[in-house]
Amino acid sequence: MPDITPNPENTLHIKNMVCNRCIMVVKSQLEQLGLHPLSVELGIAVLPDAVSDETYQRVKDSLETFGFELIDDKKSQTAELIKDAIIELVHYDDNGLKTNLSDYLASKLHRDYSALSKLFSETTNTTIEKYLIAQKIERAKELLMYGELSLNEIADILNYSSVSYLSAQFKHVTGMTPSHFKKIKGNKRKPLDEI
């Protein structure tokens, strides 16, 4: 995905965008409103013109029917950008987890990682590390439910040093082992926007 530094006057920050379908829905809604976005990514839509108060309200009303929220304050916007970057890394870039998370976030958001970490903790009441682990466990659940990969392969994709480390984190987060989760095949996955 392109890394754009949007202009605040023509940029909408959108909460709960967690997948490519979300991007399609937001893009479609903006086009139906006649706004023709320049780009739509996880958490951000860039419009060709500055957003008036009337346009903002129309977009807000339109997107809320699909479970999205417009974010006004800068700290919440940054926290959402961090979440979106982690979701993108964990769920859409199988080689991305091999990169250093602090370097990745600092580069993507053009801010010092320690400042991002502090802001994220203050805004979300959790740490970036815990959020990353929660996303990795959700991805592990998804891969386990498909039943196509071994636990070794899943541990490798999610950049765990060993299967036992993945299993320990999985059990800590879910209360069950990966093999027990796979056996019951219950839909115990969470929507990404609820993590």
Protein backbone atom coordinates (compact mmCIF):
# COMPACT_ATOMS: atom_id res chain seq x y z
CA MET A 1 0.00 0.00 0.00
CA PRO A 2 1.26 3.48 -0.73
CA ASP A 3 2.54 5.45 2.18
CA ILE A 4 0.94 8.88 1.90
CA THR A 5 1.23 11.82 4.22
CA PRO A 6 -2.24 13.29 3.85
CA ASN A 7 -3.23 16.94 4.12
CA PRO A 8 -5.44 17.36 7.24
CA GLU A 9 -8.07 19.44 5.40
CA ASN A 10 -8.92 16.71 2.90
CA THR A 11 -8.28 13.60 4.99
CA LEU A 12 -10.83 11.53 6.86
CA HIS A 13 -9.64 9.25 9.67
CA ILE A 14 -11.97 6.30 9.97
CA LYS A 15 -12.24 3.86 12.86
CA ASN A 16 -13.07 0.15 12.46
CA MET A 17 -11.62 -0.29 8.97
CA VAL A 18 -9.89 -3.64 9.29
CA CYS A 19 -10.00 -5.38 5.93
CA ASN A 20 -10.06 -4.93 2.18
CA ARG A 21 -13.85 -5.19 2.16
CA CYS A 22 -13.97 -2.26 4.58
CA ILE A 23 -11.90 -0.26 2.11
CA MET A 24 -14.32 -1.18 -0.69
CA VAL A 25 -17.37 -0.19 1.40
CA VAL A 26 -15.88 3.16 2.43
CA LYS A 27 -14.76 3.93 -1.13
CA SER A 28 -18.22 3.03 -2.46
CA GLN A 29 -19.98 5.21 0.14
CA LEU A 30 -17.72 8.18 -0.60
CA GLU A 31 -18.32 7.78 -4.33
CA GLN A 32 -22.09 7.57 -3.76
CA LEU A 33 -21.81 10.89 -1.94
CA GLY A 34 -20.03 12.30 -5.02
CA LEU A 35 -16.69 12.75 -3.24
CA HIS A 36 -14.43 10.62 -5.52
CA PRO A 37 -11.61 9.79 -3.06
CA LEU A 38 -8.01 10.04 -4.25
CA SER A 39 -7.14 7.05 -2.05
CA VAL A 40 -8.72 4.83 0.57
CA GLU A 41 -6.55 2.74 2.89
CA LEU A 42 -7.11 1.10 6.24
CA GLY A 43 -8.21 3.97 8.49
CA ILE A 44 -7.75 6.83 6.00
CA ALA A 45 -9.58 8.30 3.04
CA VAL A 46 -8.02 11.19 1.14
CA LEU A 47 -10.44 13.39 -0.80
CA PRO A 48 -9.58 15.77 -3.65
CA ASP A 49 -10.88 18.83 -1.76
CA ALA A 50 -11.06 20.13 1.79
CA VAL A 51 -13.91 18.62 3.80
CA SER A 52 -16.64 21.11 4.77
CA ASP A 53 -18.67 20.65 7.95
CA GLU A 54 -21.71 19.67 5.85
CA THR A 55 -19.72 17.07 3.88
CA TYR A 56 -18.17 15.74 7.09
CA GLN A 57 -21.64 15.19 8.58
CA ARG A 58 -22.92 13.47 5.42
CA VAL A 59 -19.91 11.14 5.40
CA LYS A 60 -20.25 10.48 9.13
CA ASP A 61 -23.93 9.54 8.78
CA SER A 62 -23.27 7.36 5.73
CA LEU A 63 -20.35 5.44 7.28
CA GLU A 64 -22.00 4.92 10.68
CA THR A 65 -24.63 2.70 9.06
CA PHE A 66 -21.78 0.29 8.26
CA GLY A 67 -20.16 0.43 11.70
CA PHE A 68 -17.42 2.94 10.88
CA GLU A 69 -16.69 6.11 12.86
CA LEU A 70 -14.92 9.29 11.88
CA ILE A 71 -12.18 10.21 14.35
CA ASP A 72 -11.64 13.85 15.24
CA ASP A 73 -8.85 14.07 17.80
CA LYS A 74 -5.21 13.63 16.79
CA LYS A 75 -4.28 11.12 19.49
CA SER A 76 -7.13 8.78 18.55
CA GLN A 77 -6.26 9.19 14.88
CA THR A 78 -2.66 8.20 15.55
CA ALA A 79 -3.74 5.22 17.70
CA GLU A 80 -5.99 4.04 14.85
CA LEU A 81 -3.13 4.43 12.36
CA ILE A 82 -0.97 2.25 14.63
CA LYS A 83 -3.74 -0.38 14.82
CA ASP A 84 -4.21 -0.29 11.05
CA ALA A 85 -0.46 -0.67 10.47
CA ILE A 86 -0.33 -3.69 12.81
CA ILE A 87 -3.41 -5.27 11.20
CA GLU A 88 -1.86 -4.76 7.77
CA LEU A 89 1.40 -6.30 8.97
CA VAL A 90 -0.15 -9.33 10.68
CA HIS A 91 -3.05 -10.15 8.36
CA TYR A 92 -1.95 -8.99 4.91
CA ASP A 93 1.85 -9.22 4.75
CA ASP A 94 3.16 -12.71 5.48
CA ASN A 95 6.77 -11.54 5.39
CA GLY A 96 6.09 -8.34 7.33
CA LEU A 97 6.34 -9.90 10.76
CA LYS A 98 10.00 -10.59 10.16
CA THR A 99 10.64 -6.83 10.32
CA ASN A 100 11.29 -4.96 13.55
CA LEU A 101 7.91 -3.60 14.71
CA SER A 102 9.29 -0.43 16.30
CA ASP A 103 11.24 0.45 13.15
CA TYR A 104 8.24 -0.38 10.96
CA LEU A 105 5.83 1.83 12.93
CA ALA A 106 8.31 4.70 13.27
CA SER A 107 8.92 4.64 9.52
CA LYS A 108 5.27 4.25 8.54
CA LEU A 109 3.98 6.98 10.87
CA HIS A 110 7.05 9.24 10.66
CA ARG A 111 7.31 9.50 14.45
CA ASP A 112 9.61 8.24 17.17
CA TYR A 113 8.54 4.78 18.37
CA SER A 114 8.71 5.66 22.08
CA ALA A 115 6.29 8.57 21.49
CA LEU A 116 3.97 6.28 19.50
CA SER A 117 4.11 3.64 22.22
CA LYS A 118 3.28 6.14 24.96
CA LEU A 119 0.42 7.69 22.96
CA PHE A 120 -1.00 4.25 22.10
CA SER A 121 -0.97 3.13 25.73
CA GLU A 122 -2.63 6.35 26.91
CA THR A 123 -5.30 6.24 24.21
CA THR A 124 -6.17 2.53 24.18
CA ASN A 125 -5.31 1.36 27.71
CA THR A 126 -3.13 -1.41 26.27
CA THR A 127 0.37 -1.61 24.87
CA ILE A 128 1.43 -1.93 21.25
CA GLU A 129 3.02 -5.26 22.16
CA LYS A 130 -0.21 -6.65 23.65
CA TYR A 131 -2.17 -5.43 20.64
CA LEU A 132 0.31 -7.11 18.29
CA ILE A 133 0.05 -10.38 20.25
CA ALA A 134 -3.78 -10.24 20.13
CA GLN A 135 -3.67 -9.73 16.36
CA LYS A 136 -1.17 -12.56 15.91
CA ILE A 137 -3.37 -14.92 17.93
CA GLU A 138 -6.41 -13.98 15.81
CA ARG A 139 -4.38 -14.73 12.70
CA ALA A 140 -3.30 -18.04 14.23
CA LYS A 141 -6.97 -18.90 14.88
CA GLU A 142 -7.80 -18.10 11.27
CA LEU A 143 -4.97 -20.29 9.96
CA LEU A 144 -5.89 -23.12 12.36
CA MET A 145 -9.51 -23.05 11.21
CA TYR A 146 -8.45 -23.42 7.57
CA GLY A 147 -6.62 -26.60 8.61
CA GLU A 148 -4.15 -26.35 5.73
CA LEU A 149 -0.98 -25.55 7.69
CA SER A 150 0.87 -27.29 10.47
CA LEU A 151 1.50 -25.52 13.76
CA ASN A 152 5.18 -25.26 12.74
CA GLU A 153 4.19 -23.44 9.53
CA ILE A 154 1.85 -21.12 11.42
CA ALA A 155 4.56 -20.33 13.98
CA ASP A 156 6.91 -19.51 11.11
CA ILE A 157 4.40 -17.26 9.30
CA LEU A 158 3.71 -15.36 12.53
CA ASN A 159 7.45 -15.10 13.28
CA TYR A 160 7.44 -17.09 16.53
CA SER A 161 10.80 -18.54 17.50
CA SER A 162 9.16 -21.90 18.27
CA VAL A 163 5.86 -23.75 18.30
CA SER A 164 6.00 -23.89 22.10
CA TYR A 165 6.24 -20.07 22.29
CA LEU A 166 3.22 -19.70 19.97
CA SER A 167 1.32 -22.33 21.98
CA ALA A 168 2.10 -20.59 25.28
CA GLN A 169 0.92 -17.20 23.98
CA PHE A 170 -2.13 -18.78 22.35
CA LYS A 171 -3.12 -20.45 25.63
CA HIS A 172 -2.48 -17.26 27.60
CA VAL A 173 -4.77 -15.23 25.30
CA THR A 174 -7.51 -17.81 24.56
CA GLY A 175 -7.38 -20.13 27.56
CA MET A 176 -6.83 -23.18 25.33
CA THR A 177 -4.03 -24.76 23.36
CA PRO A 178 -3.92 -24.41 19.56
CA SER A 179 -4.57 -28.16 19.16
CA HIS A 180 -7.65 -27.96 21.41
CA PHE A 181 -8.89 -24.93 19.47
CA LYS A 182 -8.40 -26.80 16.20
CA LYS A 183 -10.19 -29.87 17.58
CA ILE A 184 -13.32 -28.01 18.68
CA LYS A 185 -13.36 -25.91 15.48
CA GLY A 186 -15.68 -23.53 17.26
CA ASN A 187 -15.91 -20.07 15.82
CA LYS A 188 -14.00 -18.42 18.62
CA ARG A 189 -12.52 -15.73 16.41
CA LYS A 190 -13.10 -12.08 17.16
CA PRO A 191 -13.76 -9.38 14.60
CA LEU A 192 -10.50 -7.43 14.16
CA ASP A 193 -12.10 -4.16 15.20
CA GLU A 194 -13.01 -5.67 18.59
CA ILE A 195 -9.45 -6.67 19.51
